[in-house]
All heavy atoms as atom14 arrays in JSON, in Angstrom:
{
  "sequence": "FKQQVLDHPAVQNLAGSVWSRIKQLILDAAEDP",
  "atom14_mask": [
    [1, 1, 1, 1, 1, 1, 1, 1, 1, 1, 1, 0, 0, 0],
    [1, 1, 1, 1, 1, 1, 1, 1, 1, 0, 0, 0, 0, 0],
    [1, 1, 1, 1, 1, 1, 1, 1, 1, 0, 0, 0, 0, 0],
    [1, 1, 1, 1, 1, 1, 1, 1, 1, 0, 0, 0, 0, 0],
    [1, 1, 1, 1, 1, 1, 1, 0, 0, 0, 0, 0, 0, 0],
    [1, 1, 1, 1, 1, 1, 1, 1, 0, 0, 0, 0, 0, 0],
    [1, 1, 1, 1, 1, 1, 1, 1, 0, 0, 0, 0, 0, 0],
    [1, 1, 1, 1, 1, 1, 1, 1, 1, 1, 0, 0, 0, 0],
    [1, 1, 1, 1, 1, 1, 1, 0, 0, 0, 0, 0, 0, 0],
    [1, 1, 1, 1, 1, 0, 0, 0, 0, 0, 0, 0, 0, 0],
    [1, 1, 1, 1, 1, 1, 1, 0, 0, 0, 0, 0, 0, 0],
    [1, 1, 1, 1, 1, 1, 1, 1, 1, 0, 0, 0, 0, 0],
    [1, 1, 1, 1, 1, 1, 1, 1, 0, 0, 0, 0, 0, 0],
    [1, 1, 1, 1, 1, 1, 1, 1, 0, 0, 0, 0, 0, 0],
    [1, 1, 1, 1, 1, 0, 0, 0, 0, 0, 0, 0, 0, 0],
    [1, 1, 1, 1, 0, 0, 0, 0, 0, 0, 0, 0, 0, 0],
    [1, 1, 1, 1, 1, 1, 0, 0, 0, 0, 0, 0, 0, 0],
    [1, 1, 1, 1, 1, 1, 1, 0, 0, 0, 0, 0, 0, 0],
    [1, 1, 1, 1, 1, 1, 1, 1, 1, 1, 1, 1, 1, 1],
    [1, 1, 1, 1, 1, 1, 0, 0, 0, 0, 0, 0, 0, 0],
    [1, 1, 1, 1, 1, 1, 1, 1, 1, 1, 1, 0, 0, 0],
    [1, 1, 1, 1, 1, 1, 1, 1, 0, 0, 0, 0, 0, 0],
    [1, 1, 1, 1, 1, 1, 1, 1, 1, 0, 0, 0, 0, 0],
    [1, 1, 1, 1, 1, 1, 1, 1, 1, 0, 0, 0, 0, 0],
    [1, 1, 1, 1, 1, 1, 1, 1, 0, 0, 0, 0, 0, 0],
    [1, 1, 1, 1, 1, 1, 1, 1, 0, 0, 0, 0, 0, 0],
    [1, 1, 1, 1, 1, 1, 1, 1, 0, 0, 0, 0, 0, 0],
    [1, 1, 1, 1, 1, 1, 1, 1, 0, 0, 0, 0, 0, 0],
    [1, 1, 1, 1, 1, 0, 0, 0, 0, 0, 0, 0, 0, 0],
    [1, 1, 1, 1, 1, 0, 0, 0, 0, 0, 0, 0, 0, 0],
    [1, 1, 1, 1, 1, 1, 1, 1, 1, 0, 0, 0, 0, 0],
    [1, 1, 1, 1, 1, 1, 1, 1, 0, 0, 0, 0, 0, 0],
    [1, 1, 1, 1, 1, 1, 1, 0, 0, 0, 0, 0, 0, 0]
  ],
  "atom14_positions": [
    [[54.76, 20.69, 57.54], [53.52, 20.59, 58.27], [52.31, 20.54, 57.23], [51.31, 19.78, 57.45], [53.35, 21.73, 59.24], [52.13, 21.82, 59.91], [51.67, 20.78, 60.84], [51.05, 22.75, 59.47], [50.38, 20.87, 61.52], [49.9, 22.76, 60.17], [49.51, 21.93, 61.11], [0.0, 0.0, 0.0], [0.0, 0.0, 0.0], [0.0, 0.0, 0.0]],
    [[52.43, 21.34, 56.21], [51.37, 21.34, 55.18], [51.21, 20.06, 54.6], [50.17, 19.46, 54.38], [51.61, 22.46, 54.04], [50.63, 22.49, 52.94], [51.02, 23.47, 51.9], [52.13, 22.78, 51.12], [52.48, 23.63, 49.82], [0.0, 0.0, 0.0], [0.0, 0.0, 0.0], [0.0, 0.0, 0.0], [0.0, 0.0, 0.0], [0.0, 0.0, 0.0]],
    [[52.37, 19.41, 54.17], [52.35, 18.11, 53.51], [51.84, 17.03, 54.43], [51.0, 16.21, 53.93], [53.72, 17.81, 53.06], [53.78, 16.74, 52.03], [52.92, 17.02, 50.74], [53.09, 18.14, 50.19], [52.2, 16.14, 50.23], [0.0, 0.0, 0.0], [0.0, 0.0, 0.0], [0.0, 0.0, 0.0], [0.0, 0.0, 0.0], [0.0, 0.0, 0.0]],
    [[52.07, 17.15, 55.68], [51.64, 16.16, 56.66], [50.06, 16.32, 56.75], [49.39, 15.3, 56.79], [52.29, 16.34, 57.98], [53.76, 15.98, 58.07], [54.36, 16.36, 59.4], [53.7, 16.83, 60.35], [55.63, 15.93, 59.59], [0.0, 0.0, 0.0], [0.0, 0.0, 0.0], [0.0, 0.0, 0.0], [0.0, 0.0, 0.0], [0.0, 0.0, 0.0]],
    [[49.63, 17.51, 56.69], [48.12, 17.74, 56.84], [47.43, 17.27, 55.59], [46.41, 16.48, 55.62], [47.8, 19.18, 57.03], [46.34, 19.47, 56.96], [48.37, 19.76, 58.42], [0.0, 0.0, 0.0], [0.0, 0.0, 0.0], [0.0, 0.0, 0.0], [0.0, 0.0, 0.0], [0.0, 0.0, 0.0], [0.0, 0.0, 0.0], [0.0, 0.0, 0.0]],
    [[48.0, 17.6, 54.44], [47.41, 17.12, 53.14], [47.44, 15.74, 52.95], [46.6, 15.12, 52.23], [48.02, 17.92, 52.06], [47.81, 19.43, 52.02], [48.46, 20.13, 50.79], [46.31, 19.72, 51.97], [0.0, 0.0, 0.0], [0.0, 0.0, 0.0], [0.0, 0.0, 0.0], [0.0, 0.0, 0.0], [0.0, 0.0, 0.0], [0.0, 0.0, 0.0]],
    [[48.35, 15.0, 53.49], [48.55, 13.64, 53.33], [47.7, 12.84, 54.27], [47.48, 11.59, 54.07], [50.03, 13.15, 53.52], [50.9, 13.55, 52.29], [50.34, 13.87, 51.37], [52.16, 13.68, 52.62], [0.0, 0.0, 0.0], [0.0, 0.0, 0.0], [0.0, 0.0, 0.0], [0.0, 0.0, 0.0], [0.0, 0.0, 0.0], [0.0, 0.0, 0.0]],
    [[47.03, 13.47, 55.11], [46.22, 12.74, 56.18], [44.96, 12.25, 55.44], [44.39, 12.92, 54.56], [45.77, 13.81, 57.33], [45.2, 13.01, 58.39], [43.87, 12.63, 58.51], [45.71, 12.69, 59.66], [43.6, 12.0, 59.59], [44.72, 12.12, 60.34], [0.0, 0.0, 0.0], [0.0, 0.0, 0.0], [0.0, 0.0, 0.0], [0.0, 0.0, 0.0]],
    [[44.5, 11.08, 55.64], [43.42, 10.46, 54.88], [42.11, 11.24, 55.05], [41.22, 11.36, 54.19], [43.15, 9.07, 55.73], [44.51, 8.71, 56.28], [45.15, 10.09, 56.65], [0.0, 0.0, 0.0], [0.0, 0.0, 0.0], [0.0, 0.0, 0.0], [0.0, 0.0, 0.0], [0.0, 0.0, 0.0], [0.0, 0.0, 0.0], [0.0, 0.0, 0.0]],
    [[41.92, 11.96, 56.24], [40.73, 12.76, 56.34], [40.7, 13.9, 55.36], [39.69, 14.28, 54.88], [40.61, 13.26, 57.85], [0.0, 0.0, 0.0], [0.0, 0.0, 0.0], [0.0, 0.0, 0.0], [0.0, 0.0, 0.0], [0.0, 0.0, 0.0], [0.0, 0.0, 0.0], [0.0, 0.0, 0.0], [0.0, 0.0, 0.0], [0.0, 0.0, 0.0]],
    [[41.92, 14.48, 55.2], [42.02, 15.61, 54.29], [41.81, 15.07, 52.84], [41.25, 15.79, 51.92], [43.32, 16.47, 54.44], [43.48, 17.44, 53.39], [43.38, 16.93, 55.83], [0.0, 0.0, 0.0], [0.0, 0.0, 0.0], [0.0, 0.0, 0.0], [0.0, 0.0, 0.0], [0.0, 0.0, 0.0], [0.0, 0.0, 0.0], [0.0, 0.0, 0.0]],
    [[42.43, 13.93, 52.54], [42.29, 13.31, 51.23], [40.85, 13.07, 50.8], [40.44, 13.24, 49.58], [43.1, 11.98, 51.08], [44.71, 12.11, 51.26], [45.19, 12.84, 50.03], [44.82, 12.56, 48.85], [46.28, 13.62, 50.28], [0.0, 0.0, 0.0], [0.0, 0.0, 0.0], [0.0, 0.0, 0.0], [0.0, 0.0, 0.0], [0.0, 0.0, 0.0]],
    [[40.03, 12.75, 51.73], [38.68, 12.51, 51.47], [37.85, 13.75, 51.7], [36.6, 13.61, 51.74], [38.16, 11.34, 52.32], [38.93, 9.98, 52.07], [39.25, 9.87, 50.91], [39.14, 9.23, 53.04], [0.0, 0.0, 0.0], [0.0, 0.0, 0.0], [0.0, 0.0, 0.0], [0.0, 0.0, 0.0], [0.0, 0.0, 0.0], [0.0, 0.0, 0.0]],
    [[38.4, 14.86, 51.93], [37.69, 16.07, 52.28], [36.73, 16.5, 51.2], [35.49, 16.8, 51.36], [38.67, 17.25, 52.6], [38.01, 18.56, 52.98], [37.14, 18.44, 54.29], [39.05, 19.61, 53.16], [0.0, 0.0, 0.0], [0.0, 0.0, 0.0], [0.0, 0.0, 0.0], [0.0, 0.0, 0.0], [0.0, 0.0, 0.0], [0.0, 0.0, 0.0]],
    [[37.24, 16.54, 49.87], [36.36, 16.96, 48.8], [35.14, 16.09, 48.71], [33.94, 16.6, 48.5], [37.15, 17.03, 47.51], [0.0, 0.0, 0.0], [0.0, 0.0, 0.0], [0.0, 0.0, 0.0], [0.0, 0.0, 0.0], [0.0, 0.0, 0.0], [0.0, 0.0, 0.0], [0.0, 0.0, 0.0], [0.0, 0.0, 0.0], [0.0, 0.0, 0.0]],
    [[35.27, 14.82, 48.84], [34.13, 13.91, 48.71], [33.17, 14.12, 49.77], [31.94, 14.15, 49.52], [0.0, 0.0, 0.0], [0.0, 0.0, 0.0], [0.0, 0.0, 0.0], [0.0, 0.0, 0.0], [0.0, 0.0, 0.0], [0.0, 0.0, 0.0], [0.0, 0.0, 0.0], [0.0, 0.0, 0.0], [0.0, 0.0, 0.0], [0.0, 0.0, 0.0]],
    [[33.61, 14.22, 51.0], [32.74, 14.41, 52.15], [32.06, 15.64, 52.1], [30.9, 15.75, 52.43], [33.58, 14.22, 53.46], [34.6, 15.21, 53.62], [0.0, 0.0, 0.0], [0.0, 0.0, 0.0], [0.0, 0.0, 0.0], [0.0, 0.0, 0.0], [0.0, 0.0, 0.0], [0.0, 0.0, 0.0], [0.0, 0.0, 0.0], [0.0, 0.0, 0.0]],
    [[32.77, 16.72, 51.66], [32.13, 18.12, 51.62], [31.03, 18.05, 50.55], [29.94, 18.49, 50.84], [33.21, 19.14, 51.26], [32.5, 20.46, 50.94], [34.17, 19.38, 52.48], [0.0, 0.0, 0.0], [0.0, 0.0, 0.0], [0.0, 0.0, 0.0], [0.0, 0.0, 0.0], [0.0, 0.0, 0.0], [0.0, 0.0, 0.0], [0.0, 0.0, 0.0]],
    [[31.36, 17.53, 49.32], [30.25, 17.46, 48.32], [29.1, 16.63, 48.81], [27.94, 16.88, 48.58], [30.81, 16.94, 47.01], [29.82, 16.61, 46.01], [29.52, 15.34, 45.52], [28.83, 17.45, 45.47], [28.47, 15.4, 44.62], [28.03, 16.64, 44.6], [28.53, 18.81, 45.64], [26.95, 17.17, 43.91], [27.44, 19.34, 44.96], [26.74, 18.56, 44.08]],
    [[29.35, 15.47, 49.46], [28.24, 14.67, 49.9], [27.31, 15.32, 50.74], [26.07, 15.18, 50.75], [28.78, 13.35, 50.55], [29.6, 12.54, 49.57], [0.0, 0.0, 0.0], [0.0, 0.0, 0.0], [0.0, 0.0, 0.0], [0.0, 0.0, 0.0], [0.0, 0.0, 0.0], [0.0, 0.0, 0.0], [0.0, 0.0, 0.0], [0.0, 0.0, 0.0]],
    [[28.01, 16.15, 51.69], [27.17, 16.88, 52.75], [26.44, 17.92, 52.02], [25.22, 18.21, 52.35], [28.1, 17.42, 53.74], [27.35, 18.26, 54.87], [26.42, 17.32, 55.59], [25.66, 18.12, 56.66], [24.62, 17.67, 57.23], [24.07, 16.53, 56.86], [24.09, 18.34, 58.26], [0.0, 0.0, 0.0], [0.0, 0.0, 0.0], [0.0, 0.0, 0.0]],
    [[27.11, 18.72, 51.16], [26.39, 19.86, 50.45], [25.21, 19.27, 49.6], [24.14, 19.82, 49.55], [27.42, 20.65, 49.59], [28.45, 21.36, 50.46], [26.65, 21.56, 48.73], [29.49, 22.04, 49.73], [0.0, 0.0, 0.0], [0.0, 0.0, 0.0], [0.0, 0.0, 0.0], [0.0, 0.0, 0.0], [0.0, 0.0, 0.0], [0.0, 0.0, 0.0]],
    [[25.52, 18.2, 48.85], [24.48, 17.6, 48.07], [23.34, 17.17, 48.84], [22.18, 17.52, 48.45], [25.13, 16.35, 47.33], [24.12, 15.66, 46.39], [24.82, 14.45, 45.8], [23.76, 13.67, 44.85], [24.52, 12.57, 44.31], [0.0, 0.0, 0.0], [0.0, 0.0, 0.0], [0.0, 0.0, 0.0], [0.0, 0.0, 0.0], [0.0, 0.0, 0.0]],
    [[23.51, 16.59, 49.95], [22.37, 16.21, 50.7], [21.58, 17.34, 51.3], [20.36, 17.33, 51.35], [22.91, 15.32, 51.92], [21.76, 14.52, 52.67], [20.93, 13.66, 51.66], [21.48, 12.91, 50.9], [19.55, 13.75, 51.84], [0.0, 0.0, 0.0], [0.0, 0.0, 0.0], [0.0, 0.0, 0.0], [0.0, 0.0, 0.0], [0.0, 0.0, 0.0]],
    [[22.32, 18.36, 51.71], [21.65, 19.55, 52.14], [20.78, 20.24, 51.21], [19.64, 20.74, 51.39], [22.75, 20.59, 52.83], [23.43, 20.24, 54.09], [24.53, 21.22, 54.3], [22.44, 20.15, 55.23], [0.0, 0.0, 0.0], [0.0, 0.0, 0.0], [0.0, 0.0, 0.0], [0.0, 0.0, 0.0], [0.0, 0.0, 0.0], [0.0, 0.0, 0.0]],
    [[21.34, 20.23, 49.89], [20.57, 20.82, 48.82], [19.39, 20.15, 48.48], [18.2, 20.62, 48.35], [21.47, 20.98, 47.58], [22.62, 21.92, 47.83], [20.59, 21.43, 46.29], [23.57, 22.11, 46.68], [0.0, 0.0, 0.0], [0.0, 0.0, 0.0], [0.0, 0.0, 0.0], [0.0, 0.0, 0.0], [0.0, 0.0, 0.0], [0.0, 0.0, 0.0]],
    [[19.58, 18.81, 48.42], [18.35, 17.87, 48.14], [17.29, 18.02, 49.23], [16.07, 18.1, 48.84], [18.86, 16.42, 47.95], [19.59, 16.14, 46.63], [20.11, 14.76, 46.72], [18.92, 16.43, 45.48], [0.0, 0.0, 0.0], [0.0, 0.0, 0.0], [0.0, 0.0, 0.0], [0.0, 0.0, 0.0], [0.0, 0.0, 0.0], [0.0, 0.0, 0.0]],
    [[17.68, 18.01, 50.58], [16.71, 18.08, 51.55], [15.98, 19.4, 51.61], [14.7, 19.5, 51.76], [17.44, 17.9, 52.93], [18.0, 16.41, 53.14], [17.53, 15.61, 52.35], [18.82, 16.29, 54.03], [0.0, 0.0, 0.0], [0.0, 0.0, 0.0], [0.0, 0.0, 0.0], [0.0, 0.0, 0.0], [0.0, 0.0, 0.0], [0.0, 0.0, 0.0]],
    [[16.71, 20.45, 51.33], [16.15, 21.81, 51.31], [15.13, 21.92, 50.1], [14.23, 22.6, 50.32], [17.2, 22.81, 51.28], [0.0, 0.0, 0.0], [0.0, 0.0, 0.0], [0.0, 0.0, 0.0], [0.0, 0.0, 0.0], [0.0, 0.0, 0.0], [0.0, 0.0, 0.0], [0.0, 0.0, 0.0], [0.0, 0.0, 0.0], [0.0, 0.0, 0.0]],
    [[15.6, 21.39, 48.93], [14.78, 21.56, 47.8], [13.49, 20.7, 47.99], [12.44, 21.03, 47.32], [15.62, 21.11, 46.52], [0.0, 0.0, 0.0], [0.0, 0.0, 0.0], [0.0, 0.0, 0.0], [0.0, 0.0, 0.0], [0.0, 0.0, 0.0], [0.0, 0.0, 0.0], [0.0, 0.0, 0.0], [0.0, 0.0, 0.0], [0.0, 0.0, 0.0]],
    [[13.56, 19.58, 48.64], [12.45, 18.62, 48.68], [11.4, 19.15, 49.61], [10.22, 18.87, 49.59], [12.86, 17.28, 49.11], [11.9, 16.18, 49.0], [11.63, 15.78, 47.61], [12.46, 16.07, 46.71], [10.34, 15.42, 47.44], [0.0, 0.0, 0.0], [0.0, 0.0, 0.0], [0.0, 0.0, 0.0], [0.0, 0.0, 0.0], [0.0, 0.0, 0.0]],
    [[11.85, 19.92, 50.71], [11.01, 20.34, 51.79], [10.41, 21.67, 51.49], [11.16, 22.6, 51.54], [11.71, 20.25, 53.09], [10.86, 20.57, 54.35], [9.57, 20.66, 54.1], [11.32, 20.82, 55.35], [0.0, 0.0, 0.0], [0.0, 0.0, 0.0], [0.0, 0.0, 0.0], [0.0, 0.0, 0.0], [0.0, 0.0, 0.0], [0.0, 0.0, 0.0]],
    [[9.07, 21.85, 51.27], [8.49, 23.15, 50.97], [8.66, 24.14, 52.17], [8.63, 25.25, 51.93], [7.04, 22.83, 50.65], [7.06, 21.39, 50.36], [8.11, 20.82, 51.15], [0.0, 0.0, 0.0], [0.0, 0.0, 0.0], [0.0, 0.0, 0.0], [0.0, 0.0, 0.0], [0.0, 0.0, 0.0], [0.0, 0.0, 0.0], [0.0, 0.0, 0.0]]
  ]
}
């Protein structure tokens, strides 16, 4: 079951999507006084 979950495309792209979201949140928060 673990292997099936990790092989899913959504999980494969999880790191990239998580960083993109975190990066945008940081930039928005830092930009807005």
